[in-house]
Amino acid sequence: MSESSREIRTIEVSESHDRERVDAALAAILNLSRSSVSHLIDAGEVRRKGKPLSKSDRVNIGEKIEIVMPAEKAEPTLTSTPIDELKVVYNDDHIIVIDKPAGIAAHPSPGWTGATVIGAIIGAGYNVSTSGAAERQGIVHRLDVGTTGLMVVAKDEKSYSSLKDQFRERTVSKVYHALAQGHMDPSEGTIDAPIDRHPREDYRFAVVADGKPSITHYKALEYFPAVTLLEIELETGRTHQIRVHFSALHHPLVGDMTYGADPSLAQNLKIARPWLHAKKLSLTHPITGELLHFESPYPADLTRSLAQLEANNHAI
């Protein structure tokens, strides 16, 4: 879309934003996320006297800033989409825990036309909380489309609020298993590296200096030729966090071509997605206070690839 067909907005810096960084000031003034403003700045869409600004530039009271506003996107809609593969692990009047298959998104989003967890749950006749955005009813955390494993969804408002608090306070335990390229050294550790949108490629995320705090703990479970089976626990829950962190260490997940994985390795193991599985989930029941633990077996494609690696190990 050309600039001429998009809105060009001019704002005058008020006293309340004097000497602020331009990304922080515009996020507050335009009611946009800071990452959205960062994308506009990186694309040269934010200017002062005709000159593009950088994110760290400061704005002064009375200055006029021009912004080429992002094109409006169609709002995603929530539709009922029953799917045969939906496996319910736990269900009561307040929450439902499912074992998500690959190829299904957590909720509708712009550009996604496939099945969703929330659509499948509604399609199966379950009630969900109406809290949150219309297309995310009941969703308190997400898994990537290609990630399998455990997800919890709230069925009433009190449960939704409690679960959101648990995730925010980091009292929920989320343990993943992943297959990373190469041999992790050291065999266990913590990755503490901030994450935000990739500065040039909007569909990706990256480790960036001014990103959101992101912490991943890992330990090696088994070494195979060329790959390591890892157990990973998230302290934070950023989009693509595991995939971004291990790619940044030059150990991308097998099958994750978006973040630099070797296509030939995925082809040899017959993996058509990132090798990543939400293996364990522990949380406090939002109504009863009971501590609940769930564990998910590997799906068929991951089991098959591990069997192949084990066989190759024994053959060496």
C-alpha atoms as a PDB file:
ATOM      1  CA  MET A   1       0.000   0.000   0.000  1.00  0.00           C
ATOM      2  CA  SER A   2       1.435   3.404  -0.980  1.00  0.00           C
ATOM      3  CA  GLU A   3       2.043   6.156   1.535  1.00  0.00           C
ATOM      4  CA  SER A   4      -0.450   8.382  -0.297  1.00  0.00           C
ATOM      5  CA  SER A   5      -3.261   5.909   0.479  1.00  0.00           C
ATOM      6  CA  ARG A   6      -2.439   5.834   4.199  1.00  0.00           C
ATOM      7  CA  GLU A   7      -3.144   8.415   6.872  1.00  0.00           C
ATOM      8  CA  ILE A   8      -0.298  10.821   7.648  1.00  0.00           C
ATOM      9  CA  ARG A   9      -0.774  12.181  11.145  1.00  0.00           C
ATOM     10  CA  THR A  10       1.026  15.194  12.611  1.00  0.00           C
ATOM     11  CA  ILE A  11       1.244  15.496  16.380  1.00  0.00           C
ATOM     12  CA  GLU A  12       2.659  18.292  18.484  1.00  0.00           C
ATOM     13  CA  VAL A  13       4.720  17.229  21.501  1.00  0.00           C
ATOM     14  CA  SER A  14       3.117  18.379  24.732  1.00  0.00           C
ATOM     15  CA  GLU A  15       4.846  19.235  27.988  1.00  0.00           C
ATOM     16  CA  SER A  16       4.002  15.792  29.439  1.00  0.00           C
ATOM     17  CA  HIS A  17       6.198  14.117  26.801  1.00  0.00           C
ATOM     18  CA  ASP A  18       9.046  16.644  26.696  1.00  0.00           C
ATOM     19  CA  ARG A  19      12.468  14.946  26.427  1.00  0.00           C
ATOM     20  CA  GLU A  20      10.945  11.463  26.213  1.00  0.00           C
ATOM     21  CA  ARG A  21      12.256   8.855  23.785  1.00  0.00           C
ATOM     22  CA  VAL A  22      10.229   9.093  20.604  1.00  0.00           C
ATOM     23  CA  ASP A  23       9.055   5.454  20.737  1.00  0.00           C
ATOM     24  CA  ALA A  24       7.719   5.810  24.291  1.00  0.00           C
ATOM     25  CA  ALA A  25       6.087   9.180  23.600  1.00  0.00           C
ATOM     26  CA  LEU A  26       4.322   8.060  20.418  1.00  0.00           C
ATOM     27  CA  ALA A  27       3.144   4.792  21.961  1.00  0.00           C
ATOM     28  CA  ALA A  28       1.380   6.813  24.667  1.00  0.00           C
ATOM     29  CA  ILE A  29       0.022   9.512  22.349  1.00  0.00           C
ATOM     30  CA  LEU A  30      -1.199   7.164  19.587  1.00  0.00           C
ATOM     31  CA  ASN A  31      -2.383   4.388  21.918  1.00  0.00           C
ATOM     32  CA  LEU A  32      -0.210   1.865  20.077  1.00  0.00           C
ATOM     33  CA  SER A  33       2.098  -0.789  21.480  1.00  0.00           C
ATOM     34  CA  ARG A  34       5.726   0.239  21.763  1.00  0.00           C
ATOM     35  CA  SER A  35       6.714  -2.549  19.356  1.00  0.00           C
ATOM     36  CA  SER A  36       4.224  -1.223  16.748  1.00  0.00           C
ATOM     37  CA  VAL A  37       5.751   2.241  17.039  1.00  0.00           C
ATOM     38  CA  SER A  38       9.227   0.693  16.762  1.00  0.00           C
ATOM     39  CA  HIS A  39       8.235  -0.959  13.461  1.00  0.00           C
ATOM     40  CA  LEU A  40       7.083   2.404  12.100  1.00  0.00           C
ATOM     41  CA  ILE A  41      10.316   4.078  13.195  1.00  0.00           C
ATOM     42  CA  ASP A  42      12.460   1.289  11.702  1.00  0.00           C
ATOM     43  CA  ALA A  43      10.542   1.644   8.432  1.00  0.00           C
ATOM     44  CA  GLY A  44      11.263   5.389   8.299  1.00  0.00           C
ATOM     45  CA  GLU A  45       7.605   6.288   8.866  1.00  0.00           C
ATOM     46  CA  VAL A  46       8.259   8.682  11.780  1.00  0.00           C
ATOM     47  CA  ARG A  47       9.850  12.014  10.864  1.00  0.00           C
ATOM     48  CA  ARG A  48      10.803  15.359  12.315  1.00  0.00           C
ATOM     49  CA  LYS A  49      11.199  18.184   9.773  1.00  0.00           C
ATOM     50  CA  GLY A  50      11.203  15.556   7.044  1.00  0.00           C
ATOM     51  CA  LYS A  51      14.024  13.504   8.574  1.00  0.00           C
ATOM     52  CA  PRO A  52      13.395   9.939   9.857  1.00  0.00           C
ATOM     53  CA  LEU A  53      13.885   9.470  13.583  1.00  0.00           C
ATOM     54  CA  SER A  54      15.498   6.575  15.428  1.00  0.00           C
ATOM     55  CA  LYS A  55      13.913   4.933  18.472  1.00  0.00           C
ATOM     56  CA  SER A  56      16.383   6.484  20.910  1.00  0.00           C
ATOM     57  CA  ASP A  57      15.853  10.070  19.678  1.00  0.00           C
ATOM     58  CA  ARG A  58      14.256  12.429  22.196  1.00  0.00           C
ATOM     59  CA  VAL A  59      11.316  14.710  21.397  1.00  0.00           C
ATOM     60  CA  ASN A  60      10.933  18.269  22.661  1.00  0.00           C
ATOM     61  CA  ILE A  61       7.917  20.265  23.699  1.00  0.00           C
ATOM     62  CA  GLY A  62       6.278  22.055  20.773  1.00  0.00           C
ATOM     63  CA  GLU A  63       7.939  19.939  18.054  1.00  0.00           C
ATOM     64  CA  LYS A  64       5.763  18.539  15.286  1.00  0.00           C
ATOM     65  CA  ILE A  65       6.247  14.847  14.478  1.00  0.00           C
ATOM     66  CA  GLU A  66       4.856  13.268  11.298  1.00  0.00           C
ATOM     67  CA  ILE A  67       3.772   9.629  11.362  1.00  0.00           C
ATOM     68  CA  VAL A  68       2.622   7.534   8.411  1.00  0.00           C
ATOM     69  CA  MET A  69       0.047   5.412  10.221  1.00  0.00           C
ATOM     70  CA  PRO A  70      -0.073   1.638   9.667  1.00  0.00           C
ATOM     71  CA  ALA A  71      -2.742   0.294   7.347  1.00  0.00           C
ATOM     72  CA  GLU A  72      -5.799  -1.008   9.149  1.00  0.00           C
ATOM     73  CA  LYS A  73      -6.090  -4.791   9.272  1.00  0.00           C
ATOM     74  CA  ALA A  74      -9.292  -6.748   9.147  1.00  0.00           C
ATOM     75  CA  GLU A  75     -10.365  -7.783  12.628  1.00  0.00           C
ATOM     76  CA  PRO A  76     -10.154 -11.521  13.236  1.00  0.00           C
ATOM     77  CA  THR A  77     -13.453 -13.233  14.004  1.00  0.00           C
ATOM     78  CA  LEU A  78     -14.180 -16.160  16.277  1.00  0.00           C
ATOM     79  CA  THR A  79     -15.876 -19.073  14.548  1.00  0.00           C
ATOM     80  CA  SER A  80     -16.852 -22.511  15.785  1.00  0.00           C
ATOM     81  CA  THR A  81     -14.554 -25.072  14.142  1.00  0.00           C
ATOM     82  CA  PRO A  82     -14.963 -28.579  15.573  1.00  0.00           C
ATOM     83  CA  ILE A  83     -11.896 -30.768  15.023  1.00  0.00           C
ATOM     84  CA  ASP A  84     -11.551 -34.499  15.569  1.00  0.00           C
ATOM     85  CA  GLU A  85      -7.989 -34.184  16.895  1.00  0.00           C
ATOM     86  CA  LEU A  86      -8.926 -32.100  19.955  1.00  0.00           C
ATOM     87  CA  LYS A  87      -7.887 -34.152  22.988  1.00  0.00           C
ATOM     88  CA  VAL A  88      -9.347 -33.069  26.316  1.00  0.00           C
ATOM     89  CA  VAL A  89      -6.985 -33.873  29.209  1.00  0.00           C
ATOM     90  CA  TYR A  90      -9.048 -32.321  32.005  1.00  0.00           C
ATOM     91  CA  ASN A  91     -12.473 -30.720  32.153  1.00  0.00           C
ATOM     92  CA  ASP A  92     -14.732 -29.358  34.892  1.00  0.00           C
ATOM     93  CA  ASP A  93     -17.123 -26.425  35.276  1.00  0.00           C
ATOM     94  CA  HIS A  94     -14.280 -23.899  35.468  1.00  0.00           C
ATOM     95  CA  ILE A  95     -11.346 -24.893  33.247  1.00  0.00           C
ATOM     96  CA  ILE A  96     -10.510 -27.177  30.364  1.00  0.00           C
ATOM     97  CA  VAL A  97      -7.018 -28.488  29.605  1.00  0.00           C
ATOM     98  CA  ILE A  98      -6.367 -29.726  26.087  1.00  0.00           C
ATOM     99  CA  ASP A  99      -3.487 -31.440  24.320  1.00  0.00           C
ATOM    100  CA  LYS A 100      -3.073 -29.294  21.207  1.00  0.00           C
ATOM    101  CA  PRO A 101      -2.098 -30.928  17.914  1.00  0.00           C
ATOM    102  CA  ALA A 102       0.178 -29.221  15.406  1.00  0.00           C
ATOM    103  CA  GLY A 103      -1.342 -26.993  12.738  1.00  0.00           C
ATOM    104  CA  ILE A 104      -3.918 -25.352  15.014  1.00  0.00           C
ATOM    105  CA  ALA A 105      -3.657 -21.772  16.297  1.00  0.00           C
ATOM    106  CA  ALA A 106      -4.651 -20.826  19.839  1.00  0.00           C
ATOM    107  CA  HIS A 107      -7.130 -18.224  18.591  1.00  0.00           C
ATOM    108  CA  PRO A 108      -8.015 -16.312  15.394  1.00  0.00           C
ATOM    109  CA  SER A 109      -5.564 -13.687  14.180  1.00  0.00           C
ATOM    110  CA  PRO A 110      -5.189 -11.567  11.025  1.00  0.00           C
ATOM    111  CA  GLY A 111      -4.283 -13.784   8.084  1.00  0.00           C
ATOM    112  CA  TRP A 112      -5.001 -17.092   9.834  1.00  0.00           C
ATOM    113  CA  THR A 113      -7.819 -19.076   8.194  1.00  0.00           C
ATOM    114  CA  GLY A 114      -7.240 -22.488   9.778  1.00  0.00           C
ATOM    115  CA  ALA A 115      -8.656 -24.177  12.866  1.00  0.00           C
ATOM    116  CA  THR A 116      -8.188 -22.693  16.341  1.00  0.00           C
ATOM    117  CA  VAL A 117      -8.213 -24.090  19.861  1.00  0.00           C
ATOM    118  CA  ILE A 118     -10.914 -21.723  21.033  1.00  0.00           C
ATOM    119  CA  GLY A 119     -13.077 -22.416  17.969  1.00  0.00           C
ATOM    120  CA  ALA A 120     -12.683 -26.160  18.475  1.00  0.00           C
ATOM    121  CA  ILE A 121     -13.615 -25.934  22.164  1.00  0.00           C
ATOM    122  CA  ILE A 122     -16.742 -23.918  21.404  1.00  0.00           C
ATOM    123  CA  GLY A 123     -17.520 -26.216  18.480  1.00  0.00           C
ATOM    124  CA  ALA A 124     -17.366 -29.208  20.830  1.00  0.00           C
ATOM    125  CA  GLY A 125     -20.052 -27.607  22.995  1.00  0.00           C
ATOM    126  CA  TYR A 126     -17.963 -26.333  25.900  1.00  0.00           C
ATOM    127  CA  ASN A 127     -18.553 -22.951  27.507  1.00  0.00           C
ATOM    128  CA  VAL A 128     -15.662 -20.500  27.727  1.00  0.00           C
ATOM    129  CA  SER A 129     -15.072 -17.235  29.552  1.00  0.00           C
ATOM    130  CA  THR A 130     -16.088 -14.099  27.671  1.00  0.00           C
ATOM    131  CA  SER A 131     -13.223 -12.093  29.187  1.00  0.00           C
ATOM    132  CA  GLY A 132     -10.492 -10.755  26.954  1.00  0.00           C
ATOM    133  CA  ALA A 133     -10.700  -9.796  23.281  1.00  0.00           C
ATOM    134  CA  ALA A 134     -13.691 -11.225  21.405  1.00  0.00           C
ATOM    135  CA  GLU A 135     -11.556 -13.612  19.367  1.00  0.00           C
ATOM    136  CA  ARG A 136      -9.583 -14.833  22.424  1.00  0.00           C
ATOM    137  CA  GLN A 137     -12.372 -15.788  24.812  1.00  0.00           C
ATOM    138  CA  GLY A 138     -10.996 -17.855  27.663  1.00  0.00           C
ATOM    139  CA  ILE A 139      -7.448 -17.908  26.312  1.00  0.00           C
ATOM    140  CA  VAL A 140      -4.922 -17.141  29.065  1.00  0.00           C
ATOM    141  CA  HIS A 141      -1.772 -18.387  27.264  1.00  0.00           C
ATOM    142  CA  ARG A 142      -0.876 -19.533  23.770  1.00  0.00           C
ATOM    143  CA  LEU A 143       1.128 -22.116  21.885  1.00  0.00           C
ATOM    144  CA  ASP A 144       2.490 -21.491  18.391  1.00  0.00           C
ATOM    145  CA  VAL A 145       0.640 -23.103  15.495  1.00  0.00           C
ATOM    146  CA  GLY A 146       3.414 -25.658  15.052  1.00  0.00           C
ATOM    147  CA  THR A 147       3.827 -26.414  18.764  1.00  0.00           C
ATOM    148  CA  THR A 148       2.006 -29.369  20.315  1.00  0.00           C
ATOM    149  CA  GLY A 149       1.062 -30.015  23.916  1.00  0.00           C
ATOM    150  CA  LEU A 150      -0.795 -28.692  26.922  1.00  0.00           C
ATOM    151  CA  MET A 151      -2.967 -25.575  27.077  1.00  0.00           C
ATOM    152  CA  VAL A 152      -5.482 -24.448  29.699  1.00  0.00           C
ATOM    153  CA  VAL A 153      -8.589 -22.401  28.819  1.00  0.00           C
ATOM    154  CA  ALA A 154     -10.887 -20.647  31.309  1.00  0.00           C
ATOM    155  CA  LYS A 155     -14.622 -21.407  31.228  1.00  0.00           C
ATOM    156  CA  ASP A 156     -15.845 -18.589  33.522  1.00  0.00           C
ATOM    157  CA  GLU A 157     -14.782 -15.068  34.438  1.00  0.00           C
ATOM    158  CA  LYS A 158     -13.436 -15.838  37.924  1.00  0.00           C
ATOM    159  CA  SER A 159     -11.270 -18.633  36.546  1.00  0.00           C
ATOM    160  CA  TYR A 160     -10.018 -16.414  33.742  1.00  0.00           C
ATOM    161  CA  SER A 161      -8.974 -13.710  36.189  1.00  0.00           C
ATOM    162  CA  SER A 162      -7.260 -16.203  38.517  1.00  0.00           C
ATOM    163  CA  LEU A 163      -5.345 -17.919  35.711  1.00  0.00           C
ATOM    164  CA  LYS A 164      -4.238 -14.597  34.228  1.00  0.00           C
ATOM    165  CA  ASP A 165      -2.911 -13.623  37.649  1.00  0.00           C
ATOM    166  CA  GLN A 166      -1.074 -16.948  37.985  1.00  0.00           C
ATOM    167  CA  PHE A 167       0.626 -16.494  34.618  1.00  0.00           C
ATOM    168  CA  ARG A 168       1.437 -12.857  35.388  1.00  0.00           C
ATOM    169  CA  GLU A 169       2.902 -13.797  38.779  1.00  0.00           C
ATOM    170  CA  ARG A 170       4.787 -16.727  37.181  1.00  0.00           C
ATOM    171  CA  THR A 171       3.337 -19.343  39.532  1.00  0.00           C
ATOM    172  CA  VAL A 172       2.305 -21.568  36.623  1.00  0.00           C
ATOM    173  CA  SER A 173       4.967 -24.120  35.652  1.00  0.00           C
ATOM    174  CA  LYS A 174       5.341 -24.695  31.894  1.00  0.00           C
ATOM    175  CA  VAL A 175       7.853 -27.338  30.841  1.00  0.00           C
ATOM    176  CA  TYR A 176       8.682 -28.010  27.203  1.00  0.00           C
ATOM    177  CA  HIS A 177      10.770 -30.596  25.410  1.00  0.00           C
ATOM    178  CA  ALA A 178      12.654 -29.511  22.310  1.00  0.00           C
ATOM    179  CA  LEU A 179      15.219 -30.892  19.905  1.00  0.00           C
ATOM    180  CA  ALA A 180      17.950 -28.347  19.233  1.00  0.00           C
ATOM    181  CA  GLN A 181      20.629 -28.515  16.567  1.00  0.00           C
ATOM    182  CA  GLY A 182      24.159 -29.144  17.798  1.00  0.00           C
ATOM    183  CA  HIS A 183      25.339 -30.072  21.273  1.00  0.00           C
ATOM    184  CA  MET A 184      24.392 -27.656  24.043  1.00  0.00           C
ATOM    185  CA  ASP A 185      27.410 -26.627  26.107  1.00  0.00           C
ATOM    186  CA  PRO A 186      26.991 -26.158  29.005  1.00  0.00           C
ATOM    187  CA  SER A 187      24.465 -28.945  29.394  1.00  0.00           C
ATOM    188  CA  GLU A 188      22.198 -26.760  31.512  1.00  0.00           C
ATOM    189  CA  GLY A 189      21.779 -23.068  32.047  1.00  0.00           C
ATOM    190  CA  THR A 190      19.629 -19.959  31.803  1.00  0.00           C
ATOM    191  CA  ILE A 191      19.134 -17.720  28.795  1.00  0.00           C
ATOM    192  CA  ASP A 192      18.353 -14.156  29.889  1.00  0.00           C
ATOM    193  CA  ALA A 193      17.941 -12.093  26.722  1.00  0.00           C
ATOM    194  CA  PRO A 194      15.213  -9.520  25.883  1.00  0.00           C
ATOM    195  CA  ILE A 195      12.876 -10.247  22.958  1.00  0.00           C
ATOM    196  CA  ASP A 196      10.759  -8.077  20.681  1.00  0.00           C
ATOM    197  CA  ARG A 197       9.703  -7.911  17.042  1.00  0.00           C
ATOM    198  CA  HIS A 198      12.471  -8.389  14.509  1.00  0.00           C
ATOM    199  CA  PRO A 199      13.571  -4.915  13.350  1.00  0.00           C
ATOM    200  CA  ARG A 200      13.095  -5.763   9.661  1.00  0.00           C
ATOM    201  CA  GLU A 201      10.902  -8.857   9.387  1.00  0.00           C
ATOM    202  CA  ASP A 202       7.546  -8.366  11.098  1.00  0.00           C
ATOM    203  CA  TYR A 203       6.611 -12.071  11.197  1.00  0.00           C
ATOM    204  CA  ARG A 204       9.699 -12.919  13.284  1.00  0.00           C
ATOM    205  CA  PHE A 205      10.935 -12.012  16.741  1.00  0.00           C
ATOM    206  CA  ALA A 206      14.509 -11.424  17.834  1.00  0.00           C
ATOM    207  CA  VAL A 207      16.791 -10.754  20.778  1.00  0.00           C
ATOM    208  CA  VAL A 208      17.007  -6.942  20.885  1.00  0.00           C
ATOM    209  CA  ALA A 209      18.578  -4.655  23.451  1.00  0.00           C
ATOM    210  CA  ASP A 210      15.368  -2.792  24.323  1.00  0.00           C
ATOM    211  CA  GLY A 211      13.045  -5.814  24.110  1.00  0.00           C
ATOM    212  CA  LYS A 212      10.873  -7.313  26.830  1.00  0.00           C
ATOM    213  CA  PRO A 213      12.641  -9.262  29.598  1.00  0.00           C
ATOM    214  CA  SER A 214      12.719 -12.938  28.603  1.00  0.00           C
ATOM    215  CA  ILE A 215      14.149 -15.810  30.652  1.00  0.00           C
ATOM    216  CA  THR A 216      14.471 -19.458  29.625  1.00  0.00           C
ATOM    217  CA  HIS A 217      15.924 -22.281  31.746  1.00  0.00           C
ATOM    218  CA  TYR A 218      17.139 -25.475  30.067  1.00  0.00           C
ATOM    219  CA  LYS A 219      18.938 -28.750  30.665  1.00  0.00           C
ATOM    220  CA  ALA A 220      20.071 -31.424  28.237  1.00  0.00           C
ATOM    221  CA  LEU A 221      18.223 -34.725  28.554  1.00  0.00           C
ATOM    222  CA  GLU A 222      20.106 -36.636  25.872  1.00  0.00           C
ATOM    223  CA  TYR A 223      22.762 -36.027  23.239  1.00  0.00           C
ATOM    224  CA  PHE A 224      22.527 -37.510  19.751  1.00  0.00           C
ATOM    225  CA  PRO A 225      24.819 -36.951  16.771  1.00  0.00           C
ATOM    226  CA  ALA A 226      24.160 -33.343  15.670  1.00  0.00           C
ATOM    227  CA  VAL A 227      21.248 -32.644  18.068  1.00  0.00           C
ATOM    228  CA  THR A 228      20.344 -32.307  21.761  1.00  0.00           C
ATOM    229  CA  LEU A 229      17.058 -33.263  23.415  1.00  0.00           C
ATOM    230  CA  LEU A 230      16.272 -30.513  25.926  1.00  0.00           C
ATOM    231  CA  GLU A 231      13.912 -29.932  28.822  1.00  0.00           C
ATOM    232  CA  ILE A 232      12.994 -26.259  29.000  1.00  0.00           C
ATOM    233  CA  GLU A 233      11.156 -24.245  31.644  1.00  0.00           C
ATOM    234  CA  LEU A 234       9.918 -20.757  30.877  1.00  0.00           C
ATOM    235  CA  GLU A 235      10.131 -18.028  33.475  1.00  0.00           C
ATOM    236  CA  THR A 236       8.525 -15.578  31.041  1.00  0.00           C
ATOM    237  CA  GLY A 237       6.177 -16.287  28.142  1.00  0.00           C
ATOM    238  CA  ARG A 238       7.112 -14.151  25.132  1.00  0.00           C
ATOM    239  CA  THR A 239       5.950 -15.003  21.635  1.00  0.00           C
ATOM    240  CA  HIS A 240       8.372 -17.512  20.030  1.00  0.00           C
ATOM    241  CA  GLN A 241      10.560 -17.257  23.153  1.00  0.00           C
ATOM    242  CA  ILE A 242      12.105 -20.743  23.036  1.00  0.00           C
ATOM    243  CA  ARG A 243      12.618 -20.607  19.287  1.00  0.00           C
ATOM    244  CA  VAL A 244      14.236 -17.165  19.414  1.00  0.00           C
ATOM    245  CA  HIS A 245      16.479 -17.885  22.388  1.00  0.00           C
ATOM    246  CA  PHE A 246      17.974 -21.085  21.006  1.00  0.00           C
ATOM    247  CA  SER A 247      18.379 -19.587  17.553  1.00  0.00           C
ATOM    248  CA  ALA A 248      20.279 -16.704  19.148  1.00  0.00           C
ATOM    249  CA  LEU A 249      22.646 -19.286  20.672  1.00  0.00           C
ATOM    250  CA  HIS A 250      23.133 -20.827  17.202  1.00  0.00           C
ATOM    251  CA  HIS A 251      21.177 -23.909  18.268  1.00  0.00           C
ATOM    252  CA  PRO A 252      17.853 -23.461  16.409  1.00  0.00           C
ATOM    253  CA  LEU A 253      15.163 -26.052  16.976  1.00  0.00           C
ATOM    254  CA  VAL A 254      15.086 -28.875  14.453  1.00  0.00           C
ATOM    255  CA  GLY A 255      12.507 -28.060  11.778  1.00  0.00           C
ATOM    256  CA  ASP A 256      12.338 -24.350  12.601  1.00  0.00           C
ATOM    257  CA  MET A 257      13.391 -22.852   9.277  1.00  0.00           C
ATOM    258  CA  THR A 258      11.978 -19.463  10.305  1.00  0.00           C
ATOM    259  CA  TYR A 259      14.798 -19.207  12.835  1.00  0.00           C
ATOM    260  CA  GLY A 260      17.665 -20.726  10.884  1.00  0.00           C
ATOM    261  CA  ALA A 261      17.302 -24.505  11.201  1.00  0.00           C
ATOM    262  CA  ASP A 262      19.024 -26.795   8.692  1.00  0.00           C
ATOM    263  CA  PRO A 263      16.314 -28.039   6.268  1.00  0.00           C
ATOM    264  CA  SER A 264      18.209 -31.249   5.499  1.00  0.00           C
ATOM    265  CA  LEU A 265      18.164 -32.338   9.145  1.00  0.00           C
ATOM    266  CA  ALA A 266      14.394 -31.868   9.376  1.00  0.00           C
ATOM    267  CA  GLN A 267      13.983 -33.724   6.100  1.00  0.00           C
ATOM    268  CA  ASN A 268      16.069 -36.657   7.344  1.00  0.00           C
ATOM    269  CA  LEU A 269      13.992 -36.852  10.529  1.00  0.00           C
ATOM    270  CA  LYS A 270      10.715 -36.273   8.632  1.00  0.00           C
ATOM    271  CA  ILE A 271       9.864 -33.238  10.778  1.00  0.00           C
ATOM    272  CA  ALA A 272       7.659 -30.629   9.097  1.00  0.00           C
ATOM    273  CA  ARG A 273       7.485 -28.149  11.997  1.00  0.00           C
ATOM    274  CA  PRO A 274       9.635 -26.931  14.876  1.00  0.00           C
ATOM    275  CA  TRP A 275      10.447 -29.863  17.189  1.00  0.00           C
ATOM    276  CA  LEU A 276       8.775 -28.376  20.258  1.00  0.00           C
ATOM    277  CA  HIS A 277       6.249 -29.900  22.673  1.00  0.00           C
ATOM    278  CA  ALA A 278       4.539 -28.429  25.762  1.00  0.00           C
ATOM    279  CA  LYS A 279       5.220 -31.496  27.901  1.00  0.00           C
ATOM    280  CA  LYS A 280       4.148 -30.516  31.436  1.00  0.00           C
ATOM    281  CA  LEU A 281       1.773 -27.965  32.936  1.00  0.00           C
ATOM    282  CA  SER A 282       1.222 -27.288  36.641  1.00  0.00           C
ATOM    283  CA  LEU A 283      -1.200 -24.702  38.024  1.00  0.00           C
ATOM    284  CA  THR A 284      -3.455 -23.959  40.966  1.00  0.00           C
ATOM    285  CA  HIS A 285      -7.116 -24.658  40.293  1.00  0.00           C
ATOM    286  CA  PRO A 286      -8.719 -21.187  40.219  1.00  0.00           C
ATOM    287  CA  ILE A 287     -11.706 -22.217  42.365  1.00  0.00           C
ATOM    288  CA  THR A 288     -10.691 -25.151  44.571  1.00  0.00           C
ATOM    289  CA  GLY A 289      -7.080 -24.113  45.147  1.00  0.00           C
ATOM    290  CA  GLU A 290      -5.890 -27.641  44.338  1.00  0.00           C
ATOM    291  CA  LEU A 291      -2.469 -27.920  42.694  1.00  0.00           C
ATOM    292  CA  LEU A 292      -2.951 -29.668  39.348  1.00  0.00           C
ATOM    293  CA  HIS A 293      -0.236 -31.403  37.314  1.00  0.00           C
ATOM    294  CA  PHE A 294      -0.601 -32.556  33.713  1.00  0.00           C
ATOM    295  CA  GLU A 295       1.782 -34.337  31.366  1.00  0.00           C
ATOM    296  CA  SER A 296       1.470 -34.963  27.637  1.00  0.00           C
ATOM    297  CA  PRO A 297       3.078 -37.794  25.645  1.00  0.00           C
ATOM    298  CA  TYR A 298       4.978 -36.938  22.482  1.00  0.00           C
ATOM    299  CA  PRO A 299       2.832 -36.929  19.333  1.00  0.00           C
ATOM    300  CA  ALA A 300       3.571 -39.413  16.556  1.00  0.00           C
ATOM    301  CA  ASP A 301       5.973 -37.271  14.495  1.00  0.00           C
ATOM    302  CA  LEU A 302       8.208 -36.459  17.473  1.00  0.00           C
ATOM    303  CA  THR A 303       8.153 -40.048  18.748  1.00  0.00           C
ATOM    304  CA  ARG A 304       9.134 -41.307  15.304  1.00  0.00           C
ATOM    305  CA  SER A 305      12.059 -38.897  15.003  1.00  0.00           C
ATOM    306  CA  LEU A 306      13.387 -39.818  18.459  1.00  0.00           C
ATOM    307  CA  ALA A 307      13.166 -43.518  17.599  1.00  0.00           C
ATOM    308  CA  GLN A 308      15.197 -42.827  14.455  1.00  0.00           C
ATOM    309  CA  LEU A 309      17.838 -40.961  16.483  1.00  0.00           C
ATOM    310  CA  GLU A 310      18.016 -43.772  19.042  1.00  0.00           C
ATOM    311  CA  ALA A 311      18.442 -46.323  16.276  1.00  0.00           C
ATOM    312  CA  ASN A 312      21.229 -44.264  14.706  1.00  0.00           C
ATOM    313  CA  ASN A 313      22.927 -43.972  18.124  1.00  0.00           C
ATOM    314  CA  HIS A 314      22.951 -47.727  18.561  1.00  0.00           C
ATOM    315  CA  ALA A 315      24.281 -48.189  15.038  1.00  0.00           C
ATOM    316  CA  ILE A 316      27.369 -46.029  15.678  1.00  0.00           C
END
